[in-house]
Amino acid sequence: MDRYRVGANTSLRQTRVTSTELGWRFAKNLSLGGRIGLERLDTRDPSATRDFGETKNEYQLSMRSRLRR
């Protein structure tokens, strides 16, 4: 939570971030993984006509295999 003071007004900004990773190894030469990142931002400004919020979601998936020679 961040506070910003401008004149007599105090604005609040709250940021929340979380990240989760998970991986599986199916065999010696094959693995699969995933990652999720979530981010939220809320701003409350008494001088503004309304509050502001933003949401950002990221999803990633990866696979790795190695061939034997």
PDB file of N, CA and C in Angstrom:
ATOM      1  N   MET A   1       0.857  -1.159   0.000  1.00  0.00           N
ATOM      2  CA  MET A   1       0.000   0.000   0.000  1.00  0.00           C
ATOM      3  C   MET A   1       0.912   1.233   0.000  1.00  0.00           C
ATOM      4  N   ASP A   2       0.722   2.078  -0.978  1.00  0.00           N
ATOM      5  CA  ASP A   2       1.477   3.329  -1.079  1.00  0.00           C
ATOM      6  C   ASP A   2       0.529   4.496  -0.880  1.00  0.00           C
ATOM      7  N   ARG A   3       1.008   5.533  -0.209  1.00  0.00           N
ATOM      8  CA  ARG A   3       0.227   6.760   0.006  1.00  0.00           C
ATOM      9  C   ARG A   3       0.953   7.925  -0.643  1.00  0.00           C
ATOM     10  N   TYR A   4       0.200   8.731  -1.372  1.00  0.00           N
ATOM     11  CA  TYR A   4       0.741   9.916  -2.028  1.00  0.00           C
ATOM     12  C   TYR A   4      -0.046  11.123  -1.548  1.00  0.00           C
ATOM     13  N   ARG A   5       0.641  12.108  -1.047  1.00  0.00           N
ATOM     14  CA  ARG A   5      -0.024  13.310  -0.556  1.00  0.00           C
ATOM     15  C   ARG A   5       0.204  14.459  -1.530  1.00  0.00           C
ATOM     16  N   VAL A   6      -0.900  15.030  -2.015  1.00  0.00           N
ATOM     17  CA  VAL A   6      -0.860  16.186  -2.901  1.00  0.00           C
ATOM     18  C   VAL A   6      -1.762  17.240  -2.280  1.00  0.00           C
ATOM     19  N   GLY A   7      -1.177  18.291  -1.760  1.00  0.00           N
ATOM     20  CA  GLY A   7      -1.952  19.322  -1.075  1.00  0.00           C
ATOM     21  C   GLY A   7      -2.613  18.734   0.156  1.00  0.00           C
ATOM     22  N   ALA A   8      -3.928  18.886   0.277  1.00  0.00           N
ATOM     23  CA  ALA A   8      -4.673  18.355   1.419  1.00  0.00           C
ATOM     24  C   ALA A   8      -5.175  16.933   1.161  1.00  0.00           C
ATOM     25  N   ASN A   9      -5.027  16.431  -0.051  1.00  0.00           N
ATOM     26  CA  ASN A   9      -5.542  15.108  -0.417  1.00  0.00           C
ATOM     27  C   ASN A   9      -4.468  14.029  -0.316  1.00  0.00           C
ATOM     28  N   THR A  10      -4.881  12.837   0.081  1.00  0.00           N
ATOM     29  CA  THR A  10      -3.998  11.674   0.128  1.00  0.00           C
ATOM     30  C   THR A  10      -4.578  10.588  -0.778  1.00  0.00           C
ATOM     31  N   SER A  11      -3.785  10.172  -1.760  1.00  0.00           N
ATOM     32  CA  SER A  11      -4.191   9.101  -2.676  1.00  0.00           C
ATOM     33  C   SER A  11      -3.586   7.790  -2.196  1.00  0.00           C
ATOM     34  N   LEU A  12      -4.325   6.705  -2.402  1.00  0.00           N
ATOM     35  CA  LEU A  12      -3.859   5.377  -2.018  1.00  0.00           C
ATOM     36  C   LEU A  12      -3.693   4.517  -3.261  1.00  0.00           C
ATOM     37  N   ARG A  13      -2.615   3.725  -3.292  1.00  0.00           N
ATOM     38  CA  ARG A  13      -2.396   2.785  -4.390  1.00  0.00           C
ATOM     39  C   ARG A  13      -1.980   1.445  -3.783  1.00  0.00           C
ATOM     40  N   GLN A  14      -2.734   0.416  -4.118  1.00  0.00           N
ATOM     41  CA  GLN A  14      -2.460  -0.923  -3.606  1.00  0.00           C
ATOM     42  C   GLN A  14      -2.108  -1.838  -4.776  1.00  0.00           C
ATOM     43  N   THR A  15      -0.973  -2.533  -4.662  1.00  0.00           N
ATOM     44  CA  THR A  15      -0.518  -3.457  -5.695  1.00  0.00           C
ATOM     45  C   THR A  15      -0.379  -4.842  -5.086  1.00  0.00           C
ATOM     46  N   ARG A  16      -0.919  -5.845  -5.790  1.00  0.00           N
ATOM     47  CA  ARG A  16      -0.816  -7.238  -5.343  1.00  0.00           C
ATOM     48  C   ARG A  16      -0.287  -8.069  -6.507  1.00  0.00           C
ATOM     49  N   VAL A  17       0.749  -8.865  -6.234  1.00  0.00           N
ATOM     50  CA  VAL A  17       1.383  -9.688  -7.266  1.00  0.00           C
ATOM     51  C   VAL A  17       1.583 -11.095  -6.717  1.00  0.00           C
ATOM     52  N   THR A  18       1.263 -12.098  -7.521  1.00  0.00           N
ATOM     53  CA  THR A  18       1.538 -13.485  -7.142  1.00  0.00           C
ATOM     54  C   THR A  18       2.020 -14.244  -8.371  1.00  0.00           C
ATOM     55  N   SER A  19       2.874 -15.226  -8.135  1.00  0.00           N
ATOM     56  CA  SER A  19       3.411 -16.033  -9.216  1.00  0.00           C
ATOM     57  C   SER A  19       3.514 -17.484  -8.739  1.00  0.00           C
ATOM     58  N   THR A  20       3.099 -18.402  -9.598  1.00  0.00           N
ATOM     59  CA  THR A  20       3.138 -19.828  -9.265  1.00  0.00           C
ATOM     60  C   THR A  20       3.751 -20.596 -10.425  1.00  0.00           C
ATOM     61  N   GLU A  21       4.666 -21.511 -10.106  1.00  0.00           N
ATOM     62  CA  GLU A  21       5.297 -22.349 -11.121  1.00  0.00           C
ATOM     63  C   GLU A  21       5.112 -23.810 -10.753  1.00  0.00           C
ATOM     64  N   LEU A  22       4.960 -24.634 -11.777  1.00  0.00           N
ATOM     65  CA  LEU A  22       4.770 -26.058 -11.570  1.00  0.00           C
ATOM     66  C   LEU A  22       5.447 -26.797 -12.716  1.00  0.00           C
ATOM     67  N   GLY A  23       6.124 -27.893 -12.401  1.00  0.00           N
ATOM     68  CA  GLY A  23       6.812 -28.654 -13.434  1.00  0.00           C
ATOM     69  C   GLY A  23       6.682 -30.144 -13.203  1.00  0.00           C
ATOM     70  N   TRP A  24       6.682 -30.892 -14.289  1.00  0.00           N
ATOM     71  CA  TRP A  24       6.601 -32.354 -14.231  1.00  0.00           C
ATOM     72  C   TRP A  24       7.734 -32.920 -15.075  1.00  0.00           C
ATOM     73  N   ARG A  25       8.317 -33.970 -14.593  1.00  0.00           N
ATOM     74  CA  ARG A  25       9.309 -34.712 -15.375  1.00  0.00           C
ATOM     75  C   ARG A  25       8.723 -36.092 -15.634  1.00  0.00           C
ATOM     76  N   PHE A  26       8.332 -36.332 -16.881  1.00  0.00           N
ATOM     77  CA  PHE A  26       7.678 -37.582 -17.246  1.00  0.00           C
ATOM     78  C   PHE A  26       8.690 -38.704 -17.472  1.00  0.00           C
ATOM     79  N   ALA A  27       9.816 -38.357 -18.009  1.00  0.00           N
ATOM     80  CA  ALA A  27      10.883 -39.320 -18.274  1.00  0.00           C
ATOM     81  C   ALA A  27      12.209 -38.574 -18.192  1.00  0.00           C
ATOM     82  N   LYS A  28      13.297 -39.302 -18.332  1.00  0.00           N
ATOM     83  CA  LYS A  28      14.617 -38.666 -18.240  1.00  0.00           C
ATOM     84  C   LYS A  28      14.804 -37.563 -19.274  1.00  0.00           C
ATOM     85  N   ASN A  29      14.187 -37.723 -20.438  1.00  0.00           N
ATOM     86  CA  ASN A  29      14.375 -36.765 -21.536  1.00  0.00           C
ATOM     87  C   ASN A  29      13.133 -35.961 -21.884  1.00  0.00           C
ATOM     88  N   LEU A  30      12.108 -35.959 -21.027  1.00  0.00           N
ATOM     89  CA  LEU A  30      10.882 -35.226 -21.332  1.00  0.00           C
ATOM     90  C   LEU A  30      10.340 -34.543 -20.077  1.00  0.00           C
ATOM     91  N   SER A  31      10.157 -33.223 -20.144  1.00  0.00           N
ATOM     92  CA  SER A  31       9.595 -32.475 -19.014  1.00  0.00           C
ATOM     93  C   SER A  31       8.611 -31.428 -19.532  1.00  0.00           C
ATOM     94  N   LEU A  32       7.681 -31.057 -18.673  1.00  0.00           N
ATOM     95  CA  LEU A  32       6.637 -30.095 -18.999  1.00  0.00           C
ATOM     96  C   LEU A  32       6.476 -29.157 -17.808  1.00  0.00           C
ATOM     97  N   GLY A  33       6.311 -27.866 -18.076  1.00  0.00           N
ATOM     98  CA  GLY A  33       6.184 -26.898 -16.991  1.00  0.00           C
ATOM     99  C   GLY A  33       5.193 -25.807 -17.323  1.00  0.00           C
ATOM    100  N   GLY A  34       4.715 -25.141 -16.293  1.00  0.00           N
ATOM    101  CA  GLY A  34       3.784 -24.037 -16.465  1.00  0.00           C
ATOM    102  C   GLY A  34       4.009 -22.969 -15.422  1.00  0.00           C
ATOM    103  N   ARG A  35       3.629 -21.741 -15.755  1.00  0.00           N
ATOM    104  CA  ARG A  35       3.787 -20.602 -14.853  1.00  0.00           C
ATOM    105  C   ARG A  35       2.581 -19.696 -14.994  1.00  0.00           C
ATOM    106  N   ILE A  36       2.085 -19.204 -13.867  1.00  0.00           N
ATOM    107  CA  ILE A  36       0.977 -18.253 -13.850  1.00  0.00           C
ATOM    108  C   ILE A  36       1.407 -17.042 -13.037  1.00  0.00           C
ATOM    109  N   GLY A  37       1.227 -15.856 -13.596  1.00  0.00           N
ATOM    110  CA  GLY A  37       1.520 -14.605 -12.903  1.00  0.00           C
ATOM    111  C   GLY A  37       0.286 -13.722 -12.889  1.00  0.00           C
ATOM    112  N   LEU A  38      -0.146 -13.317 -11.703  1.00  0.00           N
ATOM    113  CA  LEU A  38      -1.327 -12.466 -11.552  1.00  0.00           C
ATOM    114  C   LEU A  38      -0.920 -11.154 -10.891  1.00  0.00           C
ATOM    115  N   GLU A  39      -1.444 -10.053 -11.400  1.00  0.00           N
ATOM    116  CA  GLU A  39      -1.119  -8.731 -10.854  1.00  0.00           C
ATOM    117  C   GLU A  39      -2.380  -7.881 -10.792  1.00  0.00           C
ATOM    118  N   ARG A  40      -2.592  -7.216  -9.674  1.00  0.00           N
ATOM    119  CA  ARG A  40      -3.744  -6.334  -9.473  1.00  0.00           C
ATOM    120  C   ARG A  40      -3.249  -4.971  -8.974  1.00  0.00           C
ATOM    121  N   LEU A  41      -3.908  -3.919  -9.439  1.00  0.00           N
ATOM    122  CA  LEU A  41      -3.579  -2.556  -9.024  1.00  0.00           C
ATOM    123  C   LEU A  41      -4.884  -1.809  -8.772  1.00  0.00           C
ATOM    124  N   ASP A  42      -5.015  -1.227  -7.602  1.00  0.00           N
ATOM    125  CA  ASP A  42      -6.180  -0.408  -7.258  1.00  0.00           C
ATOM    126  C   ASP A  42      -5.691   0.951  -6.774  1.00  0.00           C
ATOM    127  N   THR A  43      -6.299   2.019  -7.296  1.00  0.00           N
ATOM    128  CA  THR A  43      -5.942   3.382  -6.905  1.00  0.00           C
ATOM    129  C   THR A  43      -7.190   4.108  -6.431  1.00  0.00           C
ATOM    130  N   ARG A  44      -7.072   4.747  -5.296  1.00  0.00           N
ATOM    131  CA  ARG A  44      -8.167   5.567  -4.760  1.00  0.00           C
ATOM    132  C   ARG A  44      -7.657   6.998  -4.587  1.00  0.00           C
ATOM    133  N   ASP A  45      -8.264   7.899  -5.344  1.00  0.00           N
ATOM    134  CA  ASP A  45      -7.863   9.301  -5.329  1.00  0.00           C
ATOM    135  C   ASP A  45      -9.091  10.142  -5.008  1.00  0.00           C
ATOM    136  N   PRO A  46      -9.085  10.850  -3.875  1.00  0.00           N
ATOM    137  CA  PRO A  46     -10.266  11.645  -3.512  1.00  0.00           C
ATOM    138  C   PRO A  46     -10.557  12.794  -4.482  1.00  0.00           C
ATOM    139  N   SER A  47      -9.567  13.246  -5.235  1.00  0.00           N
ATOM    140  CA  SER A  47      -9.808  14.343  -6.175  1.00  0.00           C
ATOM    141  C   SER A  47     -10.336  13.845  -7.516  1.00  0.00           C
ATOM    142  N   ALA A  48     -10.281  12.531  -7.766  1.00  0.00           N
ATOM    143  CA  ALA A  48     -10.773  11.966  -9.033  1.00  0.00           C
ATOM    144  C   ALA A  48     -12.266  11.673  -8.919  1.00  0.00           C
ATOM    145  N   THR A  49     -12.913  11.555 -10.075  1.00  0.00           N
ATOM    146  CA  THR A  49     -14.351  11.280 -10.085  1.00  0.00           C
ATOM    147  C   THR A  49     -14.665   9.817  -9.788  1.00  0.00           C
ATOM    148  N   ARG A  50     -13.691   8.918 -10.047  1.00  0.00           N
ATOM    149  CA  ARG A  50     -13.898   7.496  -9.738  1.00  0.00           C
ATOM    150  C   ARG A  50     -12.566   6.834  -9.432  1.00  0.00           C
ATOM    151  N   ASP A  51     -12.627   5.651  -8.811  1.00  0.00           N
ATOM    152  CA  ASP A  51     -11.428   4.874  -8.510  1.00  0.00           C
ATOM    153  C   ASP A  51     -10.963   4.152  -9.761  1.00  0.00           C
ATOM    154  N   PHE A  52      -9.700   3.751  -9.761  1.00  0.00           N
ATOM    155  CA  PHE A  52      -9.095   3.120 -10.928  1.00  0.00           C
ATOM    156  C   PHE A  52      -8.544   1.750 -10.531  1.00  0.00           C
ATOM    157  N   GLY A  53      -8.769   0.749 -11.368  1.00  0.00           N
ATOM    158  CA  GLY A  53      -8.241  -0.585 -11.119  1.00  0.00           C
ATOM    159  C   GLY A  53      -7.730  -1.205 -12.403  1.00  0.00           C
ATOM    160  N   GLU A  54      -6.723  -2.054 -12.274  1.00  0.00           N
ATOM    161  CA  GLU A  54      -6.144  -2.715 -13.439  1.00  0.00           C
ATOM    162  C   GLU A  54      -5.797  -4.155 -13.069  1.00  0.00           C
ATOM    163  N   THR A  55      -5.995  -5.059 -14.022  1.00  0.00           N
ATOM    164  CA  THR A  55      -5.708  -6.474 -13.821  1.00  0.00           C
ATOM    165  C   THR A  55      -4.842  -6.969 -14.971  1.00  0.00           C
ATOM    166  N   LYS A  56      -3.799  -7.739 -14.626  1.00  0.00           N
ATOM    167  CA  LYS A  56      -2.925  -8.306 -15.651  1.00  0.00           C
ATOM    168  C   LYS A  56      -2.680  -9.773 -15.299  1.00  0.00           C
ATOM    169  N   ASN A  57      -2.979 -10.673 -16.228  1.00  0.00           N
ATOM    170  CA  ASN A  57      -2.775 -12.102 -16.035  1.00  0.00           C
ATOM    171  C   ASN A  57      -1.822 -12.611 -17.107  1.00  0.00           C
ATOM    172  N   GLU A  58      -0.821 -13.393 -16.708  1.00  0.00           N
ATOM    173  CA  GLU A  58       0.129 -13.982 -17.648  1.00  0.00           C
ATOM    174  C   GLU A  58       0.145 -15.493 -17.452  1.00  0.00           C
ATOM    175  N   TYR A  59       0.096 -16.232 -18.554  1.00  0.00           N
ATOM    176  CA  TYR A  59       0.139 -17.683 -18.520  1.00  0.00           C
ATOM    177  C   TYR A  59       1.254 -18.150 -19.450  1.00  0.00           C
ATOM    178  N   GLN A  60       2.090 -19.067 -18.980  1.00  0.00           N
ATOM    179  CA  GLN A  60       3.180 -19.595 -19.795  1.00  0.00           C
ATOM    180  C   GLN A  60       3.199 -21.111 -19.675  1.00  0.00           C
ATOM    181  N   LEU A  61       3.535 -21.766 -20.772  1.00  0.00           N
ATOM    182  CA  LEU A  61       3.642 -23.217 -20.798  1.00  0.00           C
ATOM    183  C   LEU A  61       4.907 -23.574 -21.563  1.00  0.00           C
ATOM    184  N   SER A  62       5.672 -24.529 -21.047  1.00  0.00           N
ATOM    185  CA  SER A  62       6.901 -24.923 -21.729  1.00  0.00           C
ATOM    186  C   SER A  62       7.044 -26.442 -21.715  1.00  0.00           C
ATOM    187  N   MET A  63       7.717 -26.946 -22.737  1.00  0.00           N
ATOM    188  CA  MET A  63       7.985 -28.374 -22.834  1.00  0.00           C
ATOM    189  C   MET A  63       9.417 -28.548 -23.310  1.00  0.00           C
ATOM    190  N   ARG A  64      10.093 -29.541 -22.770  1.00  0.00           N
ATOM    191  CA  ARG A  64      11.472 -29.796 -23.173  1.00  0.00           C
ATOM    192  C   ARG A  64      11.649 -31.285 -23.416  1.00  0.00           C
ATOM    193  N   SER A  65      12.237 -31.593 -24.537  1.00  0.00           N
ATOM    194  CA  SER A  65      12.564 -32.988 -24.831  1.00  0.00           C
ATOM    195  C   SER A  65      13.969 -33.023 -25.420  1.00  0.00           C
ATOM    196  N   ARG A  66      14.627 -34.127 -25.207  1.00  0.00           N
ATOM    197  CA  ARG A  66      15.997 -34.276 -25.695  1.00  0.00           C
ATOM    198  C   ARG A  66      16.102 -35.620 -26.400  1.00  0.00           C
ATOM    199  N   LEU A  67      16.637 -35.609 -27.592  1.00  0.00           N
ATOM    200  CA  LEU A  67      16.805 -36.842 -28.361  1.00  0.00           C
ATOM    201  C   LEU A  67      18.157 -37.478 -28.040  1.00  0.00           C
ATOM    202  N   ARG A  68      18.144 -38.773 -27.879  1.00  0.00           N
ATOM    203  CA  ARG A  68      19.401 -39.488 -27.682  1.00  0.00           C
ATOM    204  C   ARG A  68      20.008 -39.836 -29.028  1.00  0.00           C
ATOM    205  N   ARG A  69      21.286 -39.744 -29.143  1.00  0.00           N
ATOM    206  CA  ARG A  69      21.983 -40.095 -30.396  1.00  0.00           C
ATOM    207  C   ARG A  69      22.926 -41.230 -30.133  1.00  0.00           C
TER     208      ARG A  69
END
